């Protein structure tokens, strides 16, 4: 068993968090890059001007304990995991450790500066054989070329496509805007897909639509950050997924039903961690 898996599943949350914090360390390497020891024994390159995510790697050695523990509980050796919106690669290297040399991880990250650290972290941990990273964004099915991408100052994890009403000039004082390449995920690339993690800051429906052939062929588990103040509704999400058998992951790594009423009355403007198991028989049969 992976040592990370055993810590996450065999220790309670305070003990596991204390273990990771006690075993973290960081060194500044120059050029805005730090190298951190995370999750007890993994290495990760982070950004010195990132105030949202990187400080947690530098001082705590872990991120989003509830989702980290969920990964340890459901990812098995030999699994295939797709990480869409990989950022600096925390979940990518965690998944690579959990799937082991017989598994496969594919990371999708459009931001070139972030991608360079992601690719370097994969290589440094010795995960190159089972892990590939692509410096692209996923958009709607059939869409190709490039699209403008906005990265808020100090918050690369919140990078996103421009909204229809936004312009590069209007965002100039709030971060940087640049074009990113659009790529694709083809189901024929894979022999299996077991879990897809999606964190794409507003592009959720387009990415889910893009991944429809993968979802239909492999029936994976999907964990996706959604927020109903990002221009879509519960009904549009259900229509895109093809099912209303939705769940959400709570802060205790437990799954609960996610209903329309909850989405319309609770956590307004806040994120939900949506969970769908496409292997669910009722979903596979098209029963909502």
Protein backbone atom coordinates (compact mmCIF):
# COMPACT_ATOMS: atom_id res chain seq x y z
CA UNK A 1 0.00 0.00 0.00
CA UNK A 2 1.17 3.52 -0.81
CA UNK A 3 2.43 5.19 2.36
CA UNK A 4 0.32 8.23 1.47
CA UNK A 5 -2.75 6.03 1.15
CA UNK A 6 -2.13 4.40 4.51
CA UNK A 7 -1.70 7.76 6.27
CA UNK A 8 -4.88 9.13 4.73
CA UNK A 9 -7.04 6.08 5.40
CA UNK A 10 -5.64 4.74 8.66
CA UNK A 11 -5.15 7.99 10.59
CA UNK A 12 -7.84 10.46 11.60
CA UNK A 13 -7.82 13.85 9.95
CA UNK A 14 -5.94 15.81 12.66
CA UNK A 15 -3.24 13.13 12.85
CA UNK A 16 -2.85 12.90 9.08
CA UNK A 17 -2.69 16.68 8.68
CA UNK A 18 -0.11 16.89 11.47
CA UNK A 19 1.94 14.15 9.83
CA UNK A 20 2.03 15.96 6.48
CA UNK A 21 2.79 19.34 8.07
CA UNK A 22 5.62 17.89 10.17
CA UNK A 23 7.19 16.30 7.10
CA UNK A 24 6.93 19.22 4.71
CA UNK A 25 9.81 21.49 3.77
CA UNK A 26 10.56 23.94 0.98
CA UNK A 27 13.52 25.58 -0.71
CA UNK A 28 13.58 28.63 -2.96
CA UNK A 29 15.32 27.77 -6.23
CA UNK A 30 15.28 31.19 -7.87
CA UNK A 31 13.26 32.52 -10.81
CA UNK A 32 10.09 32.52 -8.73
CA UNK A 33 10.12 28.76 -8.15
CA UNK A 34 10.15 26.80 -4.89
CA UNK A 35 10.54 23.07 -4.40
CA UNK A 36 8.30 21.57 -1.71
CA UNK A 37 8.07 18.22 -0.01
CA UNK A 38 4.36 17.36 0.18
CA UNK A 39 2.16 14.53 1.46
CA UNK A 40 5.07 13.13 3.40
CA UNK A 41 7.27 11.99 0.53
CA UNK A 42 6.37 13.62 -2.81
CA UNK A 43 8.13 16.62 -4.40
CA UNK A 44 6.40 19.51 -6.08
CA UNK A 45 7.50 22.74 -7.75
CA UNK A 46 5.37 25.77 -6.85
CA UNK A 47 5.31 29.49 -7.62
CA UNK A 48 6.58 32.22 -5.33
CA UNK A 49 4.00 34.76 -6.52
CA UNK A 50 1.06 32.38 -6.06
CA UNK A 51 -0.82 33.42 -2.91
CA UNK A 52 -3.75 31.00 -3.23
CA UNK A 53 -2.36 27.47 -3.49
CA UNK A 54 1.43 27.42 -3.12
CA UNK A 55 1.53 28.65 0.52
CA UNK A 56 -0.37 25.51 1.53
CA UNK A 57 2.31 23.35 -0.08
CA UNK A 58 5.08 25.36 1.55
CA UNK A 59 3.70 25.28 5.09
CA UNK A 60 1.16 22.44 5.26
CA UNK A 61 2.19 19.89 2.65
CA UNK A 62 -1.38 19.08 1.61
CA UNK A 63 -4.44 20.66 0.01
CA UNK A 64 -8.20 20.05 0.33
CA UNK A 65 -7.95 17.18 2.77
CA UNK A 66 -11.48 15.93 1.98
CA UNK A 67 -10.71 15.42 -1.72
CA UNK A 68 -7.19 14.16 -1.01
CA UNK A 69 -8.63 11.46 1.24
CA UNK A 70 -11.30 10.64 -1.33
CA UNK A 71 -8.57 10.06 -3.93
CA UNK A 72 -6.84 7.65 -1.56
CA UNK A 73 -10.09 5.79 -0.93
CA UNK A 74 -11.18 5.24 -4.54
CA UNK A 75 -8.05 5.18 -6.72
CA UNK A 76 -6.56 1.71 -7.00
CA UNK A 77 -3.25 0.45 -8.41
CA UNK A 78 -3.60 0.06 -12.16
CA UNK A 79 -6.36 2.69 -12.50
CA UNK A 80 -6.43 5.40 -15.16
CA UNK A 81 -7.09 8.95 -13.94
CA UNK A 82 -7.63 12.11 -16.02
CA UNK A 83 -6.92 15.41 -14.22
CA UNK A 84 -8.53 18.29 -16.14
CA UNK A 85 -7.36 21.63 -14.79
CA UNK A 86 -4.32 20.14 -13.11
CA UNK A 87 -2.79 23.46 -12.00
CA UNK A 88 0.66 22.79 -10.48
CA UNK A 89 -0.04 19.07 -10.29
CA UNK A 90 -1.00 18.29 -6.70
CA UNK A 91 -3.72 15.83 -7.68
CA UNK A 92 -1.68 14.62 -10.64
CA UNK A 93 1.28 13.44 -8.57
CA UNK A 94 -1.04 12.13 -5.84
CA UNK A 95 -2.94 10.08 -8.43
CA UNK A 96 0.32 8.87 -10.00
CA UNK A 97 1.49 7.63 -6.61
CA UNK A 98 -1.83 5.87 -6.00
CA UNK A 99 -2.16 4.17 -9.42
CA UNK A 100 1.45 2.99 -9.32
CA UNK A 101 3.56 1.90 -12.29
CA UNK A 102 0.75 -0.24 -13.72
CA UNK A 103 -1.66 2.71 -13.90
CA UNK A 104 -1.97 5.82 -16.03
CA UNK A 105 -2.53 9.52 -15.32
CA UNK A 106 -3.20 12.23 -17.90
CA UNK A 107 -2.98 15.87 -16.76
CA UNK A 108 -4.50 18.78 -18.69
CA UNK A 109 -3.24 22.29 -17.87
CA UNK A 110 -3.42 25.27 -20.28
CA UNK A 111 -1.27 27.87 -18.44
CA UNK A 112 2.30 27.55 -19.82
CA UNK A 113 4.07 28.86 -16.69
CA UNK A 114 2.10 26.50 -14.45
CA UNK A 115 2.49 23.64 -16.91
CA UNK A 116 6.29 23.85 -16.80
CA UNK A 117 6.27 23.27 -13.02
CA UNK A 118 3.66 20.52 -13.40
CA UNK A 119 5.78 18.65 -15.95
CA UNK A 120 8.90 19.11 -13.82
CA UNK A 121 7.13 17.71 -10.74
CA UNK A 122 6.02 14.63 -12.67
CA UNK A 123 9.60 14.01 -13.79
CA UNK A 124 11.18 14.70 -10.39
CA UNK A 125 8.94 12.13 -8.69
CA UNK A 126 9.79 9.48 -11.27
CA UNK A 127 6.22 9.31 -12.58
CA UNK A 128 7.04 9.90 -16.24
CA UNK A 129 6.33 6.30 -17.25
CA UNK A 130 2.72 6.35 -16.07
CA UNK A 131 1.94 10.07 -16.36
CA UNK A 132 1.59 12.43 -19.31
CA UNK A 133 0.83 16.14 -19.24
CA UNK A 134 -0.64 18.29 -22.00
CA UNK A 135 -0.32 22.06 -22.19
CA UNK A 136 -3.82 22.61 -23.56
CA UNK A 137 -7.34 23.47 -22.47
CA UNK A 138 -10.42 21.42 -23.23
CA UNK A 139 -13.35 23.28 -24.72
CA UNK A 140 -16.61 22.26 -26.37
CA UNK A 141 -16.75 19.19 -28.58
CA UNK A 142 -15.16 19.92 -31.95
CA UNK A 143 -13.67 23.28 -30.92
CA UNK A 144 -10.01 23.79 -31.86
CA UNK A 145 -7.42 26.54 -32.22
CA UNK A 146 -6.83 28.97 -29.36
CA UNK A 147 -8.90 31.00 -26.90
CA UNK A 148 -8.07 33.95 -24.64
CA UNK A 149 -7.32 32.87 -21.07
CA UNK A 150 -7.29 35.06 -17.96
CA UNK A 151 -5.07 34.41 -14.92
CA UNK A 152 -5.89 36.58 -11.87
CA UNK A 153 -2.86 38.19 -10.25
CA UNK A 154 -1.44 35.85 -7.60
CA UNK A 155 -4.08 33.16 -8.25
CA UNK A 156 -3.03 30.87 -11.10
CA UNK A 157 -5.35 28.12 -9.82
CA UNK A 158 -8.26 30.39 -10.81
CA UNK A 159 -7.21 30.78 -14.44
CA UNK A 160 -10.16 30.66 -16.83
CA UNK A 161 -11.51 31.50 -20.26
CA UNK A 162 -12.82 35.03 -20.69
CA UNK A 163 -16.56 35.45 -20.16
CA UNK A 164 -18.54 36.74 -23.18
CA UNK A 165 -18.75 40.28 -21.76
CA UNK A 166 -15.04 40.50 -20.85
CA UNK A 167 -12.16 41.94 -22.87
CA UNK A 168 -8.39 41.71 -22.40
CA UNK A 169 -8.30 45.48 -21.95
CA UNK A 170 -10.90 45.37 -19.21
CA UNK A 171 -8.99 42.71 -17.29
CA UNK A 172 -5.54 44.26 -17.76
CA UNK A 173 -5.31 45.63 -14.23
CA UNK A 174 -6.42 42.41 -12.59
CA UNK A 175 -4.02 39.84 -14.02
CA UNK A 176 -2.77 38.62 -17.38
CA UNK A 177 -4.59 37.55 -20.53
CA UNK A 178 -3.04 35.35 -23.20
CA UNK A 179 -4.12 32.79 -25.76
CA UNK A 180 -4.00 29.10 -24.84
CA UNK A 181 -4.12 26.12 -27.17
CA UNK A 182 -7.22 23.93 -27.25
CA UNK A 183 -6.70 20.18 -27.20
CA UNK A 184 -8.76 17.03 -27.06
CA UNK A 185 -9.21 13.76 -25.20
CA UNK A 186 -9.97 10.81 -27.48
CA UNK A 187 -11.44 7.66 -25.92
CA UNK A 188 -9.38 5.56 -28.33
CA UNK A 189 -6.25 6.63 -26.42
CA UNK A 190 -7.30 4.58 -23.41
CA UNK A 191 -7.92 1.00 -22.43
CA UNK A 192 -9.81 2.15 -19.34
CA UNK A 193 -10.71 5.35 -17.50
CA UNK A 194 -11.64 5.03 -13.84
CA UNK A 195 -11.74 8.59 -12.48
CA UNK A 196 -11.90 12.07 -13.99
CA UNK A 197 -11.27 15.15 -11.85
CA UNK A 198 -12.41 18.47 -13.34
CA UNK A 199 -11.56 21.94 -12.00
CA UNK A 200 -11.94 24.45 -14.81
CA UNK A 201 -13.41 27.65 -13.31
CA UNK A 202 -16.56 28.03 -15.38
CA UNK A 203 -15.86 25.75 -18.36
CA UNK A 204 -17.44 22.73 -16.66
CA UNK A 205 -20.28 22.14 -19.12
CA UNK A 206 -18.03 22.49 -22.16
CA UNK A 207 -15.50 20.06 -20.70
CA UNK A 208 -18.19 17.54 -19.76
CA UNK A 209 -19.60 17.81 -23.27
CA UNK A 210 -16.10 17.32 -24.71
CA UNK A 211 -15.63 14.21 -22.55
CA UNK A 212 -19.00 12.67 -23.44
CA UNK A 213 -17.46 9.90 -25.63
CA UNK A 214 -15.08 8.98 -22.77
CA UNK A 215 -17.94 8.94 -20.27
CA UNK A 216 -20.08 6.76 -22.52
CA UNK A 217 -17.31 4.29 -23.32
CA UNK A 218 -15.72 3.81 -19.90
CA UNK A 219 -18.40 4.84 -17.35
CA UNK A 220 -15.88 6.40 -14.93
CA UNK A 221 -16.39 8.22 -11.68
CA UNK A 222 -16.35 12.00 -12.13
CA UNK A 223 -15.54 14.56 -9.46
CA UNK A 224 -16.08 18.11 -10.73
CA UNK A 225 -16.05 21.51 -9.06
CA UNK A 226 -19.28 23.33 -10.00
CA UNK A 227 -20.62 26.74 -9.08
CA UNK A 228 -24.06 27.90 -10.16
CA UNK A 229 -22.98 31.54 -10.32
CA UNK A 230 -20.79 30.70 -13.32
CA UNK A 231 -23.51 31.09 -15.93
CA UNK A 232 -25.25 27.72 -15.90
CA UNK A 233 -28.10 26.16 -13.96
CA UNK A 234 -28.76 22.84 -12.28
CA UNK A 235 -30.99 21.87 -15.22
CA UNK A 236 -28.28 22.62 -17.78
CA UNK A 237 -25.79 20.60 -15.75
CA UNK A 238 -28.20 17.65 -15.58
CA UNK A 239 -28.88 17.90 -19.32
CA UNK A 240 -25.15 17.87 -20.08
CA UNK A 241 -24.51 14.91 -17.78
CA UNK A 242 -27.57 13.00 -18.95
CA UNK A 243 -28.59 12.15 -15.39
CA UNK A 244 -29.89 13.78 -12.22
CA UNK A 245 -28.33 11.13 -9.98
CA UNK A 246 -25.88 13.66 -8.59
CA UNK A 247 -23.98 13.60 -5.34
CA UNK A 248 -21.59 15.99 -3.64
CA UNK A 249 -18.47 15.35 -1.60
CA UNK A 250 -18.53 17.07 1.79
CA UNK A 251 -15.66 18.28 3.97
CA UNK A 252 -15.59 14.88 5.70
CA UNK A 253 -14.99 13.01 2.42
CA UNK A 254 -18.55 11.68 2.50
CA UNK A 255 -20.94 11.57 -0.47
CA UNK A 256 -24.50 12.90 -0.24
CA UNK A 257 -27.30 13.43 -2.79
CA UNK A 258 -27.19 16.79 -4.58
CA UNK A 259 -30.65 18.06 -5.53
CA UNK A 260 -32.01 21.00 -7.48
CA UNK A 261 -33.37 22.53 -4.27
CA UNK A 262 -29.92 22.38 -2.63
CA UNK A 263 -28.26 23.98 -5.65
CA UNK A 264 -30.84 26.78 -5.71
CA UNK A 265 -30.91 27.55 -1.98
CA UNK A 266 -27.59 26.51 -0.41
CA UNK A 267 -23.96 27.62 -0.86
CA UNK A 268 -25.04 30.38 -3.24
CA UNK A 269 -22.00 31.53 -5.18
CA UNK A 270 -19.85 28.86 -3.53
CA UNK A 271 -18.39 25.69 -5.00
CA UNK A 272 -19.84 22.20 -4.82
CA UNK A 273 -17.72 19.11 -5.40
CA UNK A 274 -20.06 17.27 -7.73
CA UNK A 275 -19.77 13.47 -7.93
CA UNK A 276 -21.28 11.22 -10.59
CA UNK A 277 -20.60 7.50 -10.94
CA UNK A 278 -21.36 6.66 -14.56
CA UNK A 279 -21.04 2.97 -13.71
CA UNK A 280 -24.24 3.32 -11.67
CA UNK A 281 -26.67 0.89 -13.31
CA UNK A 282 -29.51 3.37 -13.41
CA UNK A 283 -27.32 5.93 -15.18
CA UNK A 284 -26.03 3.27 -17.59
CA UNK A 285 -29.64 2.35 -18.42
CA UNK A 286 -30.61 5.98 -18.90
CA UNK A 287 -32.89 6.06 -15.85
CA UNK A 288 -32.91 9.44 -14.07
